[in-house]
């Protein structure tokens, strides 16, 4: 294709030769320019005219553009309202979780100072809210239509609150597990599932008839009856021990030791770790004994204690309940040693 360019002041005529490919490229560029121009006019002229109510242009293009704008605005408003309802439900659920977290933290023994420090740390990480400062509260009111920015801000706040409550529950869980572990190391289950025959305290000695202190609990049972560890720990002695006969001692830490005397057989060795409820020996009548039974002792810092006070905690541990506030383990009351 040839294009001739002439001008009155020019002495000659110029000729421009265009190939088919160049012609198509020029047409494509022209079409693209027209599309960009139309889009610019639509967005920056027609839409602005409708929004600001220009006298002539708004009346011409308003019926065409206005319907799409109204539909789009209604769609956005409906979505914002649906998000606001969902946000209200999430906030209600978070309030329930917060209440549960407070109860669990109380059972776990978390102090108010620890909770306050955790809450302050979470609030320090949260962005400052321009709405208000100081104490606040009240029911949740969904944001009005067009409040997408406010909804986003509330969602971010809910996310931070959820993270803070999650941290609180994790901390409470760790405390409960630690307390549970400590309780598992306290002698709290009967080594033999039979009634107690002779309790802790003074009694008439079965051999000489004189008053003497009985330093443990006797569980009468047939020879060979399994004996369970009253708590988890480490075996420190498994041998014949004078009047105790064939005896087993388990160290539970914190100065607590249990002794299982008059056994017919010991199933564990010194240094072995045993778990709570594990069969460690069998009932016998060795040593200073009048018949087959288990003599069970609990020693705290080497001093015999009343095992019944420890076994009383067994029901609470089996129910996975932490001790009541202020409940403590039996103290190391000093008593005379005896068998």
C-alpha atoms as a PDB file:
ATOM      1  CA  UNK A   1       0.000   0.000   0.000  1.00  0.00           C
ATOM      2  CA  UNK A   2       1.328   3.414  -1.018  1.00  0.00           C
ATOM      3  CA  UNK A   3       0.415   6.720   0.632  1.00  0.00           C
ATOM      4  CA  UNK A   4       1.151  10.014  -1.146  1.00  0.00           C
ATOM      5  CA  UNK A   5       1.818  13.086   1.002  1.00  0.00           C
ATOM      6  CA  UNK A   6       1.548  16.481  -0.742  1.00  0.00           C
ATOM      7  CA  UNK A   7       1.805  20.045   0.491  1.00  0.00           C
ATOM      8  CA  UNK A   8       1.487  23.412  -1.214  1.00  0.00           C
ATOM      9  CA  UNK A   9       4.865  24.593   0.026  1.00  0.00           C
ATOM     10  CA  UNK A  10       6.689  21.413  -0.865  1.00  0.00           C
ATOM     11  CA  UNK A  11       8.303  21.191  -4.259  1.00  0.00           C
ATOM     12  CA  UNK A  12       7.661  17.506  -4.530  1.00  0.00           C
ATOM     13  CA  UNK A  13       5.287  14.827  -3.387  1.00  0.00           C
ATOM     14  CA  UNK A  14       6.438  12.279  -0.813  1.00  0.00           C
ATOM     15  CA  UNK A  15       5.377   8.636  -1.056  1.00  0.00           C
ATOM     16  CA  UNK A  16       5.106   6.255   1.945  1.00  0.00           C
ATOM     17  CA  UNK A  17       4.923   2.546   1.265  1.00  0.00           C
ATOM     18  CA  UNK A  18       3.203   0.377   3.891  1.00  0.00           C
ATOM     19  CA  UNK A  19       3.384  -3.335   3.942  1.00  0.00           C
ATOM     20  CA  UNK A  20       0.308  -5.410   4.961  1.00  0.00           C
ATOM     21  CA  UNK A  21       1.872  -6.318   8.332  1.00  0.00           C
ATOM     22  CA  UNK A  22       2.593  -2.708   9.180  1.00  0.00           C
ATOM     23  CA  UNK A  23      -0.946  -1.754   8.180  1.00  0.00           C
ATOM     24  CA  UNK A  24      -2.433  -4.369  10.515  1.00  0.00           C
ATOM     25  CA  UNK A  25      -0.206  -3.261  13.360  1.00  0.00           C
ATOM     26  CA  UNK A  26      -1.321   0.331  12.885  1.00  0.00           C
ATOM     27  CA  UNK A  27      -4.981  -0.715  12.868  1.00  0.00           C
ATOM     28  CA  UNK A  28      -4.459  -2.789  16.025  1.00  0.00           C
ATOM     29  CA  UNK A  29      -2.764   0.089  17.806  1.00  0.00           C
ATOM     30  CA  UNK A  30      -5.582   2.410  16.781  1.00  0.00           C
ATOM     31  CA  UNK A  31      -8.196  -0.042  18.063  1.00  0.00           C
ATOM     32  CA  UNK A  32      -6.352  -0.422  21.371  1.00  0.00           C
ATOM     33  CA  UNK A  33      -6.130   3.355  21.757  1.00  0.00           C
ATOM     34  CA  UNK A  34      -9.880   3.650  21.123  1.00  0.00           C
ATOM     35  CA  UNK A  35     -10.616   0.990  23.784  1.00  0.00           C
ATOM     36  CA  UNK A  36      -8.423   2.728  26.340  1.00  0.00           C
ATOM     37  CA  UNK A  37     -10.004   6.053  25.522  1.00  0.00           C
ATOM     38  CA  UNK A  38     -13.530   4.657  25.860  1.00  0.00           C
ATOM     39  CA  UNK A  39     -12.693   3.027  29.197  1.00  0.00           C
ATOM     40  CA  UNK A  40     -11.201   6.246  30.477  1.00  0.00           C
ATOM     41  CA  UNK A  41     -14.223   8.243  29.387  1.00  0.00           C
ATOM     42  CA  UNK A  42     -16.550   5.696  30.992  1.00  0.00           C
ATOM     43  CA  UNK A  43     -14.810   5.602  34.362  1.00  0.00           C
ATOM     44  CA  UNK A  44     -13.645   9.175  34.712  1.00  0.00           C
ATOM     45  CA  UNK A  45     -16.460  10.990  32.923  1.00  0.00           C
ATOM     46  CA  UNK A  46     -19.685   9.008  32.788  1.00  0.00           C
ATOM     47  CA  UNK A  47     -19.459   7.440  36.260  1.00  0.00           C
ATOM     48  CA  UNK A  48     -18.378  10.726  37.795  1.00  0.00           C
ATOM     49  CA  UNK A  49     -21.224  12.478  36.005  1.00  0.00           C
ATOM     50  CA  UNK A  50     -23.772  10.065  37.431  1.00  0.00           C
ATOM     51  CA  UNK A  51     -22.342  10.220  40.955  1.00  0.00           C
ATOM     52  CA  UNK A  52     -22.060  14.002  41.042  1.00  0.00           C
ATOM     53  CA  UNK A  53     -25.242  14.630  39.032  1.00  0.00           C
ATOM     54  CA  UNK A  54     -23.919  16.663  36.120  1.00  0.00           C
ATOM     55  CA  UNK A  55     -26.838  18.479  34.394  1.00  0.00           C
ATOM     56  CA  UNK A  56     -26.749  17.015  30.882  1.00  0.00           C
ATOM     57  CA  UNK A  57     -24.379  14.043  30.866  1.00  0.00           C
ATOM     58  CA  UNK A  58     -25.925  12.436  33.963  1.00  0.00           C
ATOM     59  CA  UNK A  59     -29.389  12.533  32.357  1.00  0.00           C
ATOM     60  CA  UNK A  60     -28.112  10.877  29.173  1.00  0.00           C
ATOM     61  CA  UNK A  61     -25.969   8.069  30.636  1.00  0.00           C
ATOM     62  CA  UNK A  62     -27.679   7.768  34.006  1.00  0.00           C
ATOM     63  CA  UNK A  63     -30.307   5.167  32.998  1.00  0.00           C
ATOM     64  CA  UNK A  64     -27.580   2.956  31.496  1.00  0.00           C
ATOM     65  CA  UNK A  65     -24.931   3.229  34.172  1.00  0.00           C
ATOM     66  CA  UNK A  66     -27.192   3.793  37.154  1.00  0.00           C
ATOM     67  CA  UNK A  67     -28.772   0.332  37.019  1.00  0.00           C
ATOM     68  CA  UNK A  68     -25.410  -1.440  37.106  1.00  0.00           C
ATOM     69  CA  UNK A  69     -24.195   0.783  39.915  1.00  0.00           C
ATOM     70  CA  UNK A  70     -27.340   0.155  41.986  1.00  0.00           C
ATOM     71  CA  UNK A  71     -27.082  -3.605  41.480  1.00  0.00           C
ATOM     72  CA  UNK A  72     -23.436  -3.577  42.420  1.00  0.00           C
ATOM     73  CA  UNK A  73     -24.069  -1.440  45.495  1.00  0.00           C
ATOM     74  CA  UNK A  74     -26.915  -3.718  46.620  1.00  0.00           C
ATOM     75  CA  UNK A  75     -24.687  -6.776  46.187  1.00  0.00           C
ATOM     76  CA  UNK A  76     -21.938  -5.201  48.243  1.00  0.00           C
ATOM     77  CA  UNK A  77     -24.366  -4.125  50.953  1.00  0.00           C
ATOM     78  CA  UNK A  78     -25.862  -7.597  51.243  1.00  0.00           C
ATOM     79  CA  UNK A  79     -22.405  -9.152  51.527  1.00  0.00           C
ATOM     80  CA  UNK A  80     -21.332  -6.654  54.160  1.00  0.00           C
ATOM     81  CA  UNK A  81     -24.481  -7.365  56.200  1.00  0.00           C
ATOM     82  CA  UNK A  82     -23.874 -11.120  55.935  1.00  0.00           C
ATOM     83  CA  UNK A  83     -20.288 -10.624  57.080  1.00  0.00           C
ATOM     84  CA  UNK A  84     -21.516  -8.520  59.998  1.00  0.00           C
ATOM     85  CA  UNK A  85     -23.865 -11.318  61.119  1.00  0.00           C
ATOM     86  CA  UNK A  86     -21.087 -13.882  60.891  1.00  0.00           C
ATOM     87  CA  UNK A  87     -18.821 -11.548  62.821  1.00  0.00           C
ATOM     88  CA  UNK A  88     -21.418 -11.307  65.574  1.00  0.00           C
ATOM     89  CA  UNK A  89     -21.631 -15.097  65.797  1.00  0.00           C
ATOM     90  CA  UNK A  90     -17.844 -15.385  65.947  1.00  0.00           C
ATOM     91  CA  UNK A  91     -17.698 -12.820  68.722  1.00  0.00           C
ATOM     92  CA  UNK A  92     -20.345 -14.694  70.718  1.00  0.00           C
ATOM     93  CA  UNK A  93     -18.373 -17.925  70.363  1.00  0.00           C
ATOM     94  CA  UNK A  94     -15.193 -16.165  71.411  1.00  0.00           C
ATOM     95  CA  UNK A  95     -16.911 -14.871  74.544  1.00  0.00           C
ATOM     96  CA  UNK A  96     -17.885 -18.442  75.450  1.00  0.00           C
ATOM     97  CA  UNK A  97     -14.321 -19.614  74.858  1.00  0.00           C
ATOM     98  CA  UNK A  98     -13.058 -16.770  77.023  1.00  0.00           C
ATOM     99  CA  UNK A  99     -15.364 -17.807  79.867  1.00  0.00           C
ATOM    100  CA  UNK A 100     -14.215 -21.419  79.584  1.00  0.00           C
ATOM    101  CA  UNK A 101     -10.594 -20.253  79.506  1.00  0.00           C
ATOM    102  CA  UNK A 102     -11.052 -18.317  82.739  1.00  0.00           C
ATOM    103  CA  UNK A 103     -12.554 -21.348  84.489  1.00  0.00           C
ATOM    104  CA  UNK A 104      -9.842 -23.679  83.213  1.00  0.00           C
ATOM    105  CA  UNK A 105      -7.100 -21.232  84.195  1.00  0.00           C
ATOM    106  CA  UNK A 106      -8.580 -21.099  87.687  1.00  0.00           C
ATOM    107  CA  UNK A 107      -8.519 -24.903  87.927  1.00  0.00           C
ATOM    108  CA  UNK A 108      -4.947 -24.882  86.645  1.00  0.00           C
ATOM    109  CA  UNK A 109      -3.923 -22.542  89.444  1.00  0.00           C
ATOM    110  CA  UNK A 110      -2.906 -19.624  87.216  1.00  0.00           C
ATOM    111  CA  UNK A 111      -2.560 -16.447  89.213  1.00  0.00           C
ATOM    112  CA  UNK A 112      -4.215 -13.180  88.237  1.00  0.00           C
ATOM    113  CA  UNK A 113      -0.791 -11.605  87.790  1.00  0.00           C
ATOM    114  CA  UNK A 114       0.108 -14.174  85.143  1.00  0.00           C
ATOM    115  CA  UNK A 115      -3.187 -13.691  83.325  1.00  0.00           C
ATOM    116  CA  UNK A 116      -2.779  -9.914  83.461  1.00  0.00           C
ATOM    117  CA  UNK A 117       0.760 -10.158  82.052  1.00  0.00           C
ATOM    118  CA  UNK A 118      -0.453 -12.392  79.215  1.00  0.00           C
ATOM    119  CA  UNK A 119      -3.335 -10.044  78.446  1.00  0.00           C
ATOM    120  CA  UNK A 120      -1.074  -6.983  78.451  1.00  0.00           C
ATOM    121  CA  UNK A 121       1.359  -8.733  76.123  1.00  0.00           C
ATOM    122  CA  UNK A 122      -1.465  -9.510  73.713  1.00  0.00           C
ATOM    123  CA  UNK A 123      -2.846  -5.998  73.810  1.00  0.00           C
ATOM    124  CA  UNK A 124       0.601  -4.522  73.250  1.00  0.00           C
ATOM    125  CA  UNK A 125       0.812  -6.468  69.999  1.00  0.00           C
ATOM    126  CA  UNK A 126      -2.638  -5.289  68.880  1.00  0.00           C
ATOM    127  CA  UNK A 127      -2.947  -2.143  66.719  1.00  0.00           C
ATOM    128  CA  UNK A 128      -4.278   0.954  68.404  1.00  0.00           C
ATOM    129  CA  UNK A 129      -7.994   1.549  67.788  1.00  0.00           C
ATOM    130  CA  UNK A 130      -9.004   5.067  66.830  1.00  0.00           C
ATOM    131  CA  UNK A 131     -12.575   4.536  67.996  1.00  0.00           C
ATOM    132  CA  UNK A 132     -12.118   4.909  71.730  1.00  0.00           C
ATOM    133  CA  UNK A 133      -9.674   4.535  74.606  1.00  0.00           C
ATOM    134  CA  UNK A 134     -10.067   3.264  78.139  1.00  0.00           C
ATOM    135  CA  UNK A 135     -12.541   0.633  79.429  1.00  0.00           C
ATOM    136  CA  UNK A 136     -15.204  -0.604  77.044  1.00  0.00           C
ATOM    137  CA  UNK A 137     -17.789  -3.304  76.508  1.00  0.00           C
ATOM    138  CA  UNK A 138     -21.433  -3.767  75.678  1.00  0.00           C
ATOM    139  CA  UNK A 139     -23.268  -5.894  73.131  1.00  0.00           C
ATOM    140  CA  UNK A 140     -21.983  -6.372  69.607  1.00  0.00           C
ATOM    141  CA  UNK A 141     -23.745  -4.196  66.989  1.00  0.00           C
ATOM    142  CA  UNK A 142     -23.088  -5.185  63.354  1.00  0.00           C
ATOM    143  CA  UNK A 143     -21.501  -2.533  61.191  1.00  0.00           C
ATOM    144  CA  UNK A 144     -23.888  -0.696  58.816  1.00  0.00           C
ATOM    145  CA  UNK A 145     -23.838  -1.090  55.045  1.00  0.00           C
ATOM    146  CA  UNK A 146     -20.688   0.271  53.528  1.00  0.00           C
ATOM    147  CA  UNK A 147     -18.639  -0.386  56.698  1.00  0.00           C
ATOM    148  CA  UNK A 148     -16.254  -2.857  55.110  1.00  0.00           C
ATOM    149  CA  UNK A 149     -13.245  -1.122  56.650  1.00  0.00           C
ATOM    150  CA  UNK A 150     -14.821  -1.311  60.108  1.00  0.00           C
ATOM    151  CA  UNK A 151     -15.604  -4.989  59.586  1.00  0.00           C
ATOM    152  CA  UNK A 152     -12.034  -5.679  58.611  1.00  0.00           C
ATOM    153  CA  UNK A 153     -10.820  -3.916  61.750  1.00  0.00           C
ATOM    154  CA  UNK A 154     -13.172  -5.970  63.924  1.00  0.00           C
ATOM    155  CA  UNK A 155     -12.053  -9.167  62.239  1.00  0.00           C
ATOM    156  CA  UNK A 156      -8.430  -8.324  63.003  1.00  0.00           C
ATOM    157  CA  UNK A 157      -9.320  -7.656  66.628  1.00  0.00           C
ATOM    158  CA  UNK A 158     -11.197 -10.955  66.877  1.00  0.00           C
ATOM    159  CA  UNK A 159      -8.192 -12.730  65.407  1.00  0.00           C
ATOM    160  CA  UNK A 160      -5.922 -11.206  68.051  1.00  0.00           C
ATOM    161  CA  UNK A 161      -8.380 -12.093  70.820  1.00  0.00           C
ATOM    162  CA  UNK A 162      -8.579 -15.667  69.537  1.00  0.00           C
ATOM    163  CA  UNK A 163      -4.790 -15.949  69.537  1.00  0.00           C
ATOM    164  CA  UNK A 164      -4.654 -14.604  73.081  1.00  0.00           C
ATOM    165  CA  UNK A 165      -7.290 -17.067  74.301  1.00  0.00           C
ATOM    166  CA  UNK A 166      -5.470 -19.897  72.526  1.00  0.00           C
ATOM    167  CA  UNK A 167      -2.249 -18.984  74.338  1.00  0.00           C
ATOM    168  CA  UNK A 168      -4.130 -18.882  77.632  1.00  0.00           C
ATOM    169  CA  UNK A 169      -5.650 -22.328  77.071  1.00  0.00           C
ATOM    170  CA  UNK A 170      -2.267 -23.769  76.072  1.00  0.00           C
ATOM    171  CA  UNK A 171      -0.723 -22.357  79.251  1.00  0.00           C
ATOM    172  CA  UNK A 172      -3.576 -23.728  81.362  1.00  0.00           C
ATOM    173  CA  UNK A 173      -3.253 -27.122  79.686  1.00  0.00           C
ATOM    174  CA  UNK A 174       0.462 -27.254  80.418  1.00  0.00           C
ATOM    175  CA  UNK A 175      -0.180 -26.407  84.078  1.00  0.00           C
ATOM    176  CA  UNK A 176      -2.881 -29.085  84.342  1.00  0.00           C
ATOM    177  CA  UNK A 177      -0.612 -31.682  82.731  1.00  0.00           C
ATOM    178  CA  UNK A 178       2.203 -30.740  85.103  1.00  0.00           C
ATOM    179  CA  UNK A 179      -0.110 -31.024  88.079  1.00  0.00           C
ATOM    180  CA  UNK A 180      -1.425 -34.307  86.754  1.00  0.00           C
ATOM    181  CA  UNK A 181       2.134 -35.601  86.428  1.00  0.00           C
ATOM    182  CA  UNK A 182       2.931 -34.532  89.983  1.00  0.00           C
ATOM    183  CA  UNK A 183      -0.178 -36.320  91.233  1.00  0.00           C
ATOM    184  CA  UNK A 184       0.764 -39.458  89.328  1.00  0.00           C
ATOM    185  CA  UNK A 185       3.987 -39.503  91.361  1.00  0.00           C
ATOM    186  CA  UNK A 186       2.072 -39.362  94.682  1.00  0.00           C
ATOM    187  CA  UNK A 187       1.094 -42.753  96.211  1.00  0.00           C
ATOM    188  CA  UNK A 188      -2.638 -42.634  95.692  1.00  0.00           C
ATOM    189  CA  UNK A 189      -3.960 -46.062  94.633  1.00  0.00           C
ATOM    190  CA  UNK A 190      -4.292 -49.185  96.714  1.00  0.00           C
ATOM    191  CA  UNK A 191      -1.486 -51.613  96.013  1.00  0.00           C
ATOM    192  CA  UNK A 192      -3.901 -54.530  96.573  1.00  0.00           C
ATOM    193  CA  UNK A 193      -7.638 -54.336  95.867  1.00  0.00           C
ATOM    194  CA  UNK A 194      -8.781 -55.620  99.262  1.00  0.00           C
ATOM    195  CA  UNK A 195      -9.999 -54.018 102.456  1.00  0.00           C
ATOM    196  CA  UNK A 196      -7.490 -52.647 104.942  1.00  0.00           C
ATOM    197  CA  UNK A 197      -6.988 -55.073 107.801  1.00  0.00           C
ATOM    198  CA  UNK A 198      -4.835 -53.058 110.175  1.00  0.00           C
ATOM    199  CA  UNK A 199      -4.399 -49.321 109.928  1.00  0.00           C
ATOM    200  CA  UNK A 200      -1.722 -46.826 110.812  1.00  0.00           C
ATOM    201  CA  UNK A 201      -1.339 -46.078 114.522  1.00  0.00           C
ATOM    202  CA  UNK A 202      -0.896 -47.754 117.893  1.00  0.00           C
ATOM    203  CA  UNK A 203      -2.115 -51.320 118.358  1.00  0.00           C
ATOM    204  CA  UNK A 204      -1.363 -54.493 120.280  1.00  0.00           C
ATOM    205  CA  UNK A 205       1.592 -56.275 118.723  1.00  0.00           C
ATOM    206  CA  UNK A 206       0.415 -59.677 117.380  1.00  0.00           C
ATOM    207  CA  UNK A 207       3.575 -61.401 118.647  1.00  0.00           C
ATOM    208  CA  UNK A 208       4.050 -60.098 122.208  1.00  0.00           C
ATOM    209  CA  UNK A 209       0.715 -58.396 122.937  1.00  0.00           C
ATOM    210  CA  UNK A 210       2.314 -55.072 123.890  1.00  0.00           C
ATOM    211  CA  UNK A 211       1.245 -51.671 122.576  1.00  0.00           C
ATOM    212  CA  UNK A 212       3.307 -50.633 119.552  1.00  0.00           C
ATOM    213  CA  UNK A 213       3.070 -48.287 116.627  1.00  0.00           C
ATOM    214  CA  UNK A 214       2.003 -49.840 113.338  1.00  0.00           C
ATOM    215  CA  UNK A 215       3.681 -47.696 110.678  1.00  0.00           C
ATOM    216  CA  UNK A 216       1.674 -48.723 107.620  1.00  0.00           C
ATOM    217  CA  UNK A 217      -1.438 -50.425 106.284  1.00  0.00           C
ATOM    218  CA  UNK A 218      -1.952 -54.195 106.143  1.00  0.00           C
ATOM    219  CA  UNK A 219      -3.813 -55.745 103.206  1.00  0.00           C
ATOM    220  CA  UNK A 220      -4.653 -59.392 103.874  1.00  0.00           C
ATOM    221  CA  UNK A 221      -4.675 -61.432 100.638  1.00  0.00           C
ATOM    222  CA  UNK A 222      -3.763 -64.924  99.439  1.00  0.00           C
ATOM    223  CA  UNK A 223      -0.152 -65.687  98.595  1.00  0.00           C
ATOM    224  CA  UNK A 224       0.651 -64.695  95.034  1.00  0.00           C
ATOM    225  CA  UNK A 225      -1.883 -61.842  94.832  1.00  0.00           C
ATOM    226  CA  UNK A 226      -0.440 -59.103  92.552  1.00  0.00           C
ATOM    227  CA  UNK A 227       0.892 -55.982  94.267  1.00  0.00           C
ATOM    228  CA  UNK A 228       0.644 -52.751  92.253  1.00  0.00           C
ATOM    229  CA  UNK A 229       2.834 -49.683  92.482  1.00  0.00           C
ATOM    230  CA  UNK A 230       0.870 -46.966  94.267  1.00  0.00           C
ATOM    231  CA  UNK A 231       2.557 -44.342  92.045  1.00  0.00           C
ATOM    232  CA  UNK A 232       5.151 -44.049  89.336  1.00  0.00           C
ATOM    233  CA  UNK A 233       8.786 -43.957  90.362  1.00  0.00           C
ATOM    234  CA  UNK A 234      12.157 -45.717  90.435  1.00  0.00           C
ATOM    235  CA  UNK A 235      12.944 -48.917  92.309  1.00  0.00           C
ATOM    236  CA  UNK A 236      15.678 -48.285  94.878  1.00  0.00           C
ATOM    237  CA  UNK A 237      15.573 -51.555  96.894  1.00  0.00           C
ATOM    238  CA  UNK A 238      14.359 -55.075  96.142  1.00  0.00           C
ATOM    239  CA  UNK A 239      15.755 -57.478  98.742  1.00  0.00           C
ATOM    240  CA  UNK A 240      15.209 -59.199 102.065  1.00  0.00           C
ATOM    241  CA  UNK A 241      15.040 -56.520 104.793  1.00  0.00           C
ATOM    242  CA  UNK A 242      14.921 -58.039 108.277  1.00  0.00           C
ATOM    243  CA  UNK A 243      11.477 -57.968 109.848  1.00  0.00           C
ATOM    244  CA  UNK A 244       9.992 -56.633 106.586  1.00  0.00           C
ATOM    245  CA  UNK A 245      10.911 -59.876 104.864  1.00  0.00           C
ATOM    246  CA  UNK A 246      11.205 -59.695 101.105  1.00  0.00           C
ATOM    247  CA  UNK A 247      10.587 -55.976 100.603  1.00  0.00           C
ATOM    248  CA  UNK A 248      10.487 -53.488  97.769  1.00  0.00           C
ATOM    249  CA  UNK A 249      11.059 -49.722  97.973  1.00  0.00           C
ATOM    250  CA  UNK A 250      10.141 -47.241  95.227  1.00  0.00           C
ATOM    251  CA  UNK A 251      11.321 -43.630  95.135  1.00  0.00           C
ATOM    252  CA  UNK A 252       8.694 -41.183  93.806  1.00  0.00           C
ATOM    253  CA  UNK A 253      10.728 -38.003  94.122  1.00  0.00           C
ATOM    254  CA  UNK A 254      10.281 -35.026  96.429  1.00  0.00           C
ATOM    255  CA  UNK A 255      11.323 -37.221  99.363  1.00  0.00           C
ATOM    256  CA  UNK A 256       8.404 -39.678  98.905  1.00  0.00           C
ATOM    257  CA  UNK A 257       9.154 -43.406  99.131  1.00  0.00           C
ATOM    258  CA  UNK A 258       6.791 -46.399  99.340  1.00  0.00           C
ATOM    259  CA  UNK A 259       7.649 -49.786 100.875  1.00  0.00           C
ATOM    260  CA  UNK A 260       5.942 -53.101 100.034  1.00  0.00           C
ATOM    261  CA  UNK A 261       6.859 -55.701 102.676  1.00  0.00           C
ATOM    262  CA  UNK A 262       6.392 -59.469 103.368  1.00  0.00           C
ATOM    263  CA  UNK A 263       6.282 -60.226  99.607  1.00  0.00           C
ATOM    264  CA  UNK A 264       6.642 -63.738  98.235  1.00  0.00           C
ATOM    265  CA  UNK A 265       8.159 -62.511  94.964  1.00  0.00           C
ATOM    266  CA  UNK A 266       9.508 -59.245  93.574  1.00  0.00           C
ATOM    267  CA  UNK A 267       9.052 -58.676  89.845  1.00  0.00           C
ATOM    268  CA  UNK A 268      11.257 -55.592  89.347  1.00  0.00           C
ATOM    269  CA  UNK A 269      14.910 -54.779  89.898  1.00  0.00           C
ATOM    270  CA  UNK A 270      16.690 -51.787  91.503  1.00  0.00           C
ATOM    271  CA  UNK A 271      17.068 -48.877  89.086  1.00  0.00           C
ATOM    272  CA  UNK A 272      14.021 -49.893  87.051  1.00  0.00           C
ATOM    273  CA  UNK A 273      11.341 -47.304  86.342  1.00  0.00           C
ATOM    274  CA  UNK A 274       7.785 -48.376  87.150  1.00  0.00           C
ATOM    275  CA  UNK A 275       4.500 -46.766  86.281  1.00  0.00           C
ATOM    276  CA  UNK A 276       1.478 -46.198  88.481  1.00  0.00           C
ATOM    277  CA  UNK A 277      -0.598 -49.379  88.751  1.00  0.00           C
ATOM    278  CA  UNK A 278       2.154 -51.685  87.434  1.00  0.00           C
ATOM    279  CA  UNK A 279       2.442 -55.105  89.109  1.00  0.00           C
ATOM    280  CA  UNK A 280       5.755 -55.034  90.984  1.00  0.00           C
ATOM    281  CA  UNK A 281       5.506 -57.897  93.477  1.00  0.00           C
ATOM    282  CA  UNK A 282       3.255 -60.641  94.893  1.00  0.00           C
ATOM    283  CA  UNK A 283       1.745 -61.051  98.346  1.00  0.00           C
ATOM    284  CA  UNK A 284       3.551 -63.392 100.737  1.00  0.00           C
ATOM    285  CA  UNK A 285       4.272 -63.917 104.418  1.00  0.00           C
ATOM    286  CA  UNK A 286       8.023 -63.416 104.705  1.00  0.00           C
ATOM    287  CA  UNK A 287       9.753 -61.721 107.619  1.00  0.00           C
ATOM    288  CA  UNK A 288       7.931 -60.863 110.849  1.00  0.00           C
ATOM    289  CA  UNK A 289       4.461 -61.838 109.707  1.00  0.00           C
ATOM    290  CA  UNK A 290       1.589 -63.903 111.109  1.00  0.00           C
ATOM    291  CA  UNK A 291       0.061 -64.702 107.713  1.00  0.00           C
ATOM    292  CA  UNK A 292      -0.027 -63.727 104.032  1.00  0.00           C
ATOM    293  CA  UNK A 293      -0.566 -60.027 103.670  1.00  0.00           C
ATOM    294  CA  UNK A 294       1.028 -56.834 102.297  1.00  0.00           C
ATOM    295  CA  UNK A 295       2.471 -54.317 104.713  1.00  0.00           C
ATOM    296  CA  UNK A 296       2.385 -50.974 102.850  1.00  0.00           C
ATOM    297  CA  UNK A 297       4.255 -47.883 104.037  1.00  0.00           C
ATOM    298  CA  UNK A 298       4.664 -44.327 102.813  1.00  0.00           C
ATOM    299  CA  UNK A 299       7.789 -42.470 103.911  1.00  0.00           C
ATOM    300  CA  UNK A 300       8.370 -38.733 103.589  1.00  0.00           C
ATOM    301  CA  UNK A 301      11.996 -37.706 104.101  1.00  0.00           C
ATOM    302  CA  UNK A 302      12.566 -41.098 105.729  1.00  0.00           C
ATOM    303  CA  UNK A 303       9.677 -40.788 108.215  1.00  0.00           C
ATOM    304  CA  UNK A 304       6.607 -43.058 108.028  1.00  0.00           C
ATOM    305  CA  UNK A 305       3.325 -41.326 107.278  1.00  0.00           C
ATOM    306  CA  UNK A 306      -0.268 -42.536 107.351  1.00  0.00           C
ATOM    307  CA  UNK A 307      -0.776 -44.075 103.881  1.00  0.00           C
ATOM    308  CA  UNK A 308      -4.543 -43.645 104.145  1.00  0.00           C
ATOM    309  CA  UNK A 309      -4.137 -39.869 103.816  1.00  0.00           C
ATOM    310  CA  UNK A 310      -2.382 -40.357 100.466  1.00  0.00           C
ATOM    311  CA  UNK A 311      -4.761 -43.036  99.204  1.00  0.00           C
ATOM    312  CA  UNK A 312      -7.647 -40.639  99.861  1.00  0.00           C
ATOM    313  CA  UNK A 313      -6.411 -38.590  96.896  1.00  0.00           C
ATOM    314  CA  UNK A 314      -6.823 -41.548  94.555  1.00  0.00           C
ATOM    315  CA  UNK A 315     -10.465 -40.938  93.732  1.00  0.00           C
ATOM    316  CA  UNK A 316      -9.760 -37.347  92.688  1.00  0.00           C
ATOM    317  CA  UNK A 317      -6.788 -38.366  90.529  1.00  0.00           C
ATOM    318  CA  UNK A 318      -8.746 -41.145  88.821  1.00  0.00           C
ATOM    319  CA  UNK A 319     -11.460 -38.619  88.001  1.00  0.00           C
ATOM    320  CA  UNK A 320      -8.828 -36.330  86.430  1.00  0.00           C
ATOM    321  CA  UNK A 321      -9.720 -33.530  88.805  1.00  0.00           C
ATOM    322  CA  UNK A 322      -7.059 -31.196  90.223  1.00  0.00           C
ATOM    323  CA  UNK A 323      -6.932 -30.656  93.982  1.00  0.00           C
ATOM    324  CA  UNK A 324      -9.274 -28.094  95.441  1.00  0.00           C
ATOM    325  CA  UNK A 325      -7.837 -24.618  96.065  1.00  0.00           C
ATOM    326  CA  UNK A 326      -5.745 -24.749  99.210  1.00  0.00           C
ATOM    327  CA  UNK A 327      -5.627 -28.548  99.313  1.00  0.00           C
ATOM    328  CA  UNK A 328      -2.148 -29.754 100.214  1.00  0.00           C
ATOM    329  CA  UNK A 329      -0.428 -33.059 100.546  1.00  0.00           C
ATOM    330  CA  UNK A 330       0.014 -34.511 104.035  1.00  0.00           C
ATOM    331  CA  UNK A 331       2.790 -32.843 105.943  1.00  0.00           C
ATOM    332  CA  UNK A 332       5.864 -34.577 107.298  1.00  0.00           C
ATOM    333  CA  UNK A 333       4.560 -35.218 110.792  1.00  0.00           C
ATOM    334  CA  UNK A 334       7.369 -36.717 112.828  1.00  0.00           C
ATOM    335  CA  UNK A 335       6.475 -40.112 114.267  1.00  0.00           C
ATOM    336  CA  UNK A 336       8.530 -42.929 115.711  1.00  0.00           C
ATOM    337  CA  UNK A 337       9.657 -45.643 113.349  1.00  0.00           C
ATOM    338  CA  UNK A 338       8.277 -49.127 113.714  1.00  0.00           C
ATOM    339  CA  UNK A 339       6.840 -52.105 111.921  1.00  0.00           C
END
